[in-house]
Amino acid sequence: MPLEAMACGNVMVTTTAFSLVEDGLNGLVRPVDDWQGLAVAMDRVMNDKDLFRKLQSNGYSLAGKFRLEKSCEAFEGALRSIVSSGSRDK
């Protein structure tokens, strides 16, 4: 769900359970059991407009890389490559 949230322009404050969120780049990440750290991170995002905009922009850009159309095009390209290389082997 982090990608869906980022695609909607939301800033992710999460735990290390989500690997797509990079601390300080496209969200804020804290250890799973650090609830105080999560609270501090949420406070930072709410009170630092520059940080919010940076994380929001980077998260939105990351989510765009996983759009359905792009994923389908990449999958189609991979299949075409497999099919064309297989036909040369015969």
N, C-alpha and C. Protein backbone atom coordinates (compact mmCIF):
# COMPACT_ATOMS: atom_id res chain seq x y z
N MET A 1 0.77 -1.21 0.00
CA MET A 1 0.00 0.00 0.00
C MET A 1 0.82 1.28 0.00
N PRO A 2 2.11 1.23 0.31
CA PRO A 2 2.87 2.47 0.25
C PRO A 2 2.86 3.11 -1.14
N LEU A 3 2.94 2.31 -2.19
CA LEU A 3 2.94 2.88 -3.54
C LEU A 3 1.63 3.60 -3.84
N GLU A 4 0.52 3.01 -3.44
CA GLU A 4 -0.77 3.64 -3.67
C GLU A 4 -0.86 4.96 -2.92
N ALA A 5 -0.35 4.97 -1.70
CA ALA A 5 -0.36 6.20 -0.90
C ALA A 5 0.51 7.27 -1.54
N MET A 6 1.70 6.88 -2.00
CA MET A 6 2.60 7.83 -2.65
C MET A 6 1.99 8.36 -3.95
N ALA A 7 1.32 7.49 -4.69
CA ALA A 7 0.70 7.91 -5.96
C ALA A 7 -0.39 8.94 -5.72
N CYS A 8 -0.96 8.93 -4.53
CA CYS A 8 -2.00 9.91 -4.16
C CYS A 8 -1.39 11.17 -3.54
N GLY A 9 -0.07 11.23 -3.44
CA GLY A 9 0.60 12.41 -2.90
C GLY A 9 0.76 12.40 -1.39
N ASN A 10 0.55 11.24 -0.78
CA ASN A 10 0.73 11.14 0.67
C ASN A 10 2.19 10.86 1.00
N VAL A 11 2.64 11.37 2.12
CA VAL A 11 4.00 11.12 2.60
C VAL A 11 3.96 9.91 3.52
N MET A 12 4.88 8.98 3.28
CA MET A 12 4.93 7.76 4.08
C MET A 12 5.82 7.94 5.31
N VAL A 13 5.24 7.64 6.45
CA VAL A 13 5.99 7.49 7.70
C VAL A 13 5.68 6.06 8.11
N THR A 14 6.70 5.22 8.06
CA THR A 14 6.45 3.80 8.22
C THR A 14 7.58 3.12 8.98
N THR A 15 7.47 1.82 9.08
CA THR A 15 8.51 1.02 9.74
C THR A 15 9.37 0.34 8.70
N THR A 16 10.39 -0.33 9.15
CA THR A 16 11.31 -1.04 8.26
C THR A 16 10.64 -2.22 7.57
N ALA A 17 9.37 -2.46 7.85
CA ALA A 17 8.65 -3.57 7.21
C ALA A 17 8.41 -3.31 5.72
N PHE A 18 8.48 -2.06 5.27
CA PHE A 18 8.25 -1.72 3.87
C PHE A 18 9.57 -1.34 3.21
N SER A 19 9.99 -2.11 2.22
CA SER A 19 11.31 -1.90 1.63
C SER A 19 11.35 -0.79 0.58
N LEU A 20 10.22 -0.38 0.01
CA LEU A 20 10.24 0.65 -1.03
C LEU A 20 10.47 2.05 -0.48
N VAL A 21 10.19 2.25 0.78
CA VAL A 21 10.33 3.57 1.39
C VAL A 21 11.76 3.73 1.87
N GLU A 22 12.44 4.76 1.35
CA GLU A 22 13.83 5.03 1.74
C GLU A 22 13.84 6.24 2.66
N ASP A 23 14.38 6.04 3.84
CA ASP A 23 14.38 7.06 4.88
C ASP A 23 15.02 8.37 4.40
N GLY A 24 14.25 9.43 4.47
CA GLY A 24 14.75 10.75 4.10
C GLY A 24 14.69 11.05 2.62
N LEU A 25 14.42 10.04 1.80
CA LEU A 25 14.36 10.25 0.36
C LEU A 25 12.91 10.35 -0.12
N ASN A 26 12.11 9.31 0.18
CA ASN A 26 10.71 9.33 -0.24
C ASN A 26 9.75 9.04 0.91
N GLY A 27 10.26 9.11 2.11
CA GLY A 27 9.46 8.89 3.31
C GLY A 27 10.37 8.86 4.53
N LEU A 28 9.78 8.60 5.66
CA LEU A 28 10.57 8.45 6.88
C LEU A 28 10.35 7.05 7.41
N VAL A 29 11.44 6.38 7.82
CA VAL A 29 11.39 4.99 8.24
C VAL A 29 11.97 4.86 9.64
N ARG A 30 11.27 4.11 10.47
CA ARG A 30 11.73 3.84 11.82
C ARG A 30 11.63 2.34 12.09
N PRO A 31 12.39 1.83 13.05
CA PRO A 31 12.30 0.41 13.39
C PRO A 31 10.88 0.03 13.81
N VAL A 32 10.54 -1.22 13.58
CA VAL A 32 9.19 -1.71 13.85
C VAL A 32 8.72 -1.42 15.26
N ASP A 33 9.58 -1.57 16.24
CA ASP A 33 9.15 -1.41 17.64
C ASP A 33 9.39 -0.01 18.19
N ASP A 34 9.72 0.95 17.35
CA ASP A 34 10.02 2.31 17.81
C ASP A 34 8.81 3.24 17.63
N TRP A 35 7.81 3.08 18.48
CA TRP A 35 6.60 3.89 18.34
C TRP A 35 6.88 5.36 18.65
N GLN A 36 7.82 5.63 19.55
CA GLN A 36 8.17 7.02 19.84
C GLN A 36 8.84 7.67 18.63
N GLY A 37 9.71 6.91 17.96
CA GLY A 37 10.35 7.41 16.76
C GLY A 37 9.35 7.69 15.64
N LEU A 38 8.33 6.84 15.54
CA LEU A 38 7.27 7.07 14.56
C LEU A 38 6.54 8.37 14.86
N ALA A 39 6.26 8.60 16.12
CA ALA A 39 5.56 9.83 16.52
C ALA A 39 6.40 11.06 16.20
N VAL A 40 7.70 10.99 16.46
CA VAL A 40 8.61 12.10 16.16
C VAL A 40 8.66 12.33 14.65
N ALA A 41 8.74 11.25 13.88
CA ALA A 41 8.79 11.37 12.42
C ALA A 41 7.51 12.00 11.88
N MET A 42 6.36 11.59 12.40
CA MET A 42 5.09 12.18 11.98
C MET A 42 5.06 13.68 12.30
N ASP A 43 5.56 14.03 13.46
CA ASP A 43 5.61 15.44 13.86
C ASP A 43 6.51 16.24 12.91
N ARG A 44 7.65 15.66 12.55
CA ARG A 44 8.56 16.33 11.60
C ARG A 44 7.87 16.61 10.28
N VAL A 45 7.20 15.60 9.74
CA VAL A 45 6.53 15.75 8.44
C VAL A 45 5.44 16.81 8.52
N MET A 46 4.70 16.84 9.61
CA MET A 46 3.60 17.80 9.74
C MET A 46 4.09 19.23 9.95
N ASN A 47 5.27 19.39 10.51
CA ASN A 47 5.75 20.73 10.85
C ASN A 47 6.87 21.28 9.97
N ASP A 48 7.40 20.46 9.09
CA ASP A 48 8.48 20.90 8.20
C ASP A 48 7.96 20.83 6.76
N LYS A 49 7.47 21.95 6.26
CA LYS A 49 6.85 21.97 4.93
C LYS A 49 7.84 21.61 3.82
N ASP A 50 9.09 22.02 3.95
CA ASP A 50 10.09 21.68 2.93
C ASP A 50 10.33 20.17 2.89
N LEU A 51 10.45 19.57 4.06
CA LEU A 51 10.63 18.12 4.14
C LEU A 51 9.41 17.43 3.56
N PHE A 52 8.23 17.89 3.92
CA PHE A 52 6.99 17.30 3.41
C PHE A 52 6.98 17.33 1.88
N ARG A 53 7.29 18.49 1.30
CA ARG A 53 7.26 18.62 -0.17
C ARG A 53 8.30 17.72 -0.84
N LYS A 54 9.48 17.63 -0.26
CA LYS A 54 10.54 16.78 -0.81
C LYS A 54 10.10 15.31 -0.80
N LEU A 55 9.63 14.84 0.34
CA LEU A 55 9.21 13.44 0.46
C LEU A 55 8.02 13.16 -0.44
N GLN A 56 7.10 14.11 -0.51
CA GLN A 56 5.91 13.95 -1.34
C GLN A 56 6.30 13.84 -2.82
N SER A 57 7.15 14.73 -3.27
CA SER A 57 7.57 14.74 -4.67
C SER A 57 8.33 13.46 -5.04
N ASN A 58 9.26 13.07 -4.19
CA ASN A 58 10.05 11.86 -4.46
C ASN A 58 9.19 10.60 -4.40
N GLY A 59 8.25 10.56 -3.47
CA GLY A 59 7.35 9.41 -3.37
C GLY A 59 6.45 9.31 -4.59
N TYR A 60 5.94 10.45 -5.05
CA TYR A 60 5.08 10.47 -6.23
C TYR A 60 5.86 9.99 -7.45
N SER A 61 7.10 10.44 -7.58
CA SER A 61 7.94 10.01 -8.71
C SER A 61 8.20 8.50 -8.66
N LEU A 62 8.48 7.99 -7.48
CA LEU A 62 8.72 6.55 -7.35
C LEU A 62 7.46 5.77 -7.73
N ALA A 63 6.32 6.18 -7.25
CA ALA A 63 5.07 5.48 -7.56
C ALA A 63 4.81 5.48 -9.06
N GLY A 64 5.18 6.55 -9.75
CA GLY A 64 4.98 6.63 -11.19
C GLY A 64 5.74 5.58 -11.96
N LYS A 65 6.84 5.11 -11.41
CA LYS A 65 7.64 4.07 -12.07
C LYS A 65 6.92 2.72 -12.08
N PHE A 66 5.91 2.57 -11.23
CA PHE A 66 5.21 1.31 -11.10
C PHE A 66 3.78 1.37 -11.65
N ARG A 67 3.51 2.37 -12.49
CA ARG A 67 2.17 2.48 -13.07
C ARG A 67 1.87 1.22 -13.87
N LEU A 68 0.61 0.86 -13.92
CA LEU A 68 0.18 -0.36 -14.60
C LEU A 68 0.64 -0.38 -16.06
N GLU A 69 0.50 0.75 -16.74
CA GLU A 69 0.88 0.80 -18.15
C GLU A 69 2.37 0.48 -18.33
N LYS A 70 3.21 1.06 -17.47
CA LYS A 70 4.64 0.81 -17.58
C LYS A 70 4.97 -0.64 -17.26
N SER A 71 4.32 -1.19 -16.26
CA SER A 71 4.56 -2.58 -15.90
C SER A 71 4.14 -3.52 -17.02
N CYS A 72 3.00 -3.23 -17.64
CA CYS A 72 2.53 -4.07 -18.74
C CYS A 72 3.46 -3.98 -19.94
N GLU A 73 3.93 -2.77 -20.25
CA GLU A 73 4.86 -2.60 -21.37
C GLU A 73 6.16 -3.37 -21.12
N ALA A 74 6.67 -3.31 -19.91
CA ALA A 74 7.90 -4.03 -19.58
C ALA A 74 7.69 -5.54 -19.66
N PHE A 75 6.55 -6.00 -19.18
CA PHE A 75 6.23 -7.43 -19.23
C PHE A 75 6.08 -7.89 -20.68
N GLU A 76 5.39 -7.09 -21.49
CA GLU A 76 5.22 -7.42 -22.91
C GLU A 76 6.59 -7.48 -23.61
N GLY A 77 7.45 -6.52 -23.31
CA GLY A 77 8.78 -6.52 -23.91
C GLY A 77 9.57 -7.75 -23.53
N ALA A 78 9.47 -8.16 -22.29
CA ALA A 78 10.17 -9.36 -21.84
C ALA A 78 9.64 -10.60 -22.55
N LEU A 79 8.32 -10.68 -22.69
CA LEU A 79 7.73 -11.83 -23.39
C LEU A 79 8.15 -11.86 -24.85
N ARG A 80 8.14 -10.69 -25.51
CA ARG A 80 8.55 -10.64 -26.91
C ARG A 80 10.01 -11.08 -27.06
N SER A 81 10.85 -10.69 -26.13
CA SER A 81 12.24 -11.08 -26.17
C SER A 81 12.39 -12.59 -26.03
N ILE A 82 11.64 -13.17 -25.13
CA ILE A 82 11.69 -14.61 -24.92
C ILE A 82 11.21 -15.35 -26.15
N VAL A 83 10.10 -14.88 -26.71
CA VAL A 83 9.54 -15.53 -27.89
C VAL A 83 10.51 -15.41 -29.08
N SER A 84 11.07 -14.24 -29.27
CA SER A 84 11.97 -14.07 -30.43
C SER A 84 13.26 -14.86 -30.25
N SER A 85 13.77 -14.97 -29.06
CA SER A 85 15.00 -15.75 -28.86
C SER A 85 14.71 -17.24 -28.97
N GLY A 86 13.53 -17.66 -28.59
CA GLY A 86 13.14 -19.06 -28.70
C GLY A 86 12.96 -19.49 -30.13
N SER A 87 12.46 -18.59 -30.98
CA SER A 87 12.23 -18.95 -32.38
C SER A 87 13.54 -19.08 -33.14
N ARG A 88 14.60 -18.43 -32.67
CA ARG A 88 15.92 -18.53 -33.32
C ARG A 88 16.60 -19.86 -32.98
N ASP A 89 16.22 -20.46 -31.85
CA ASP A 89 16.86 -21.71 -31.43
C ASP A 89 16.38 -22.91 -32.25
N LYS A 90 15.28 -22.78 -32.95
CA LYS A 90 14.70 -23.91 -33.67
C LYS A 90 15.31 -24.06 -35.04
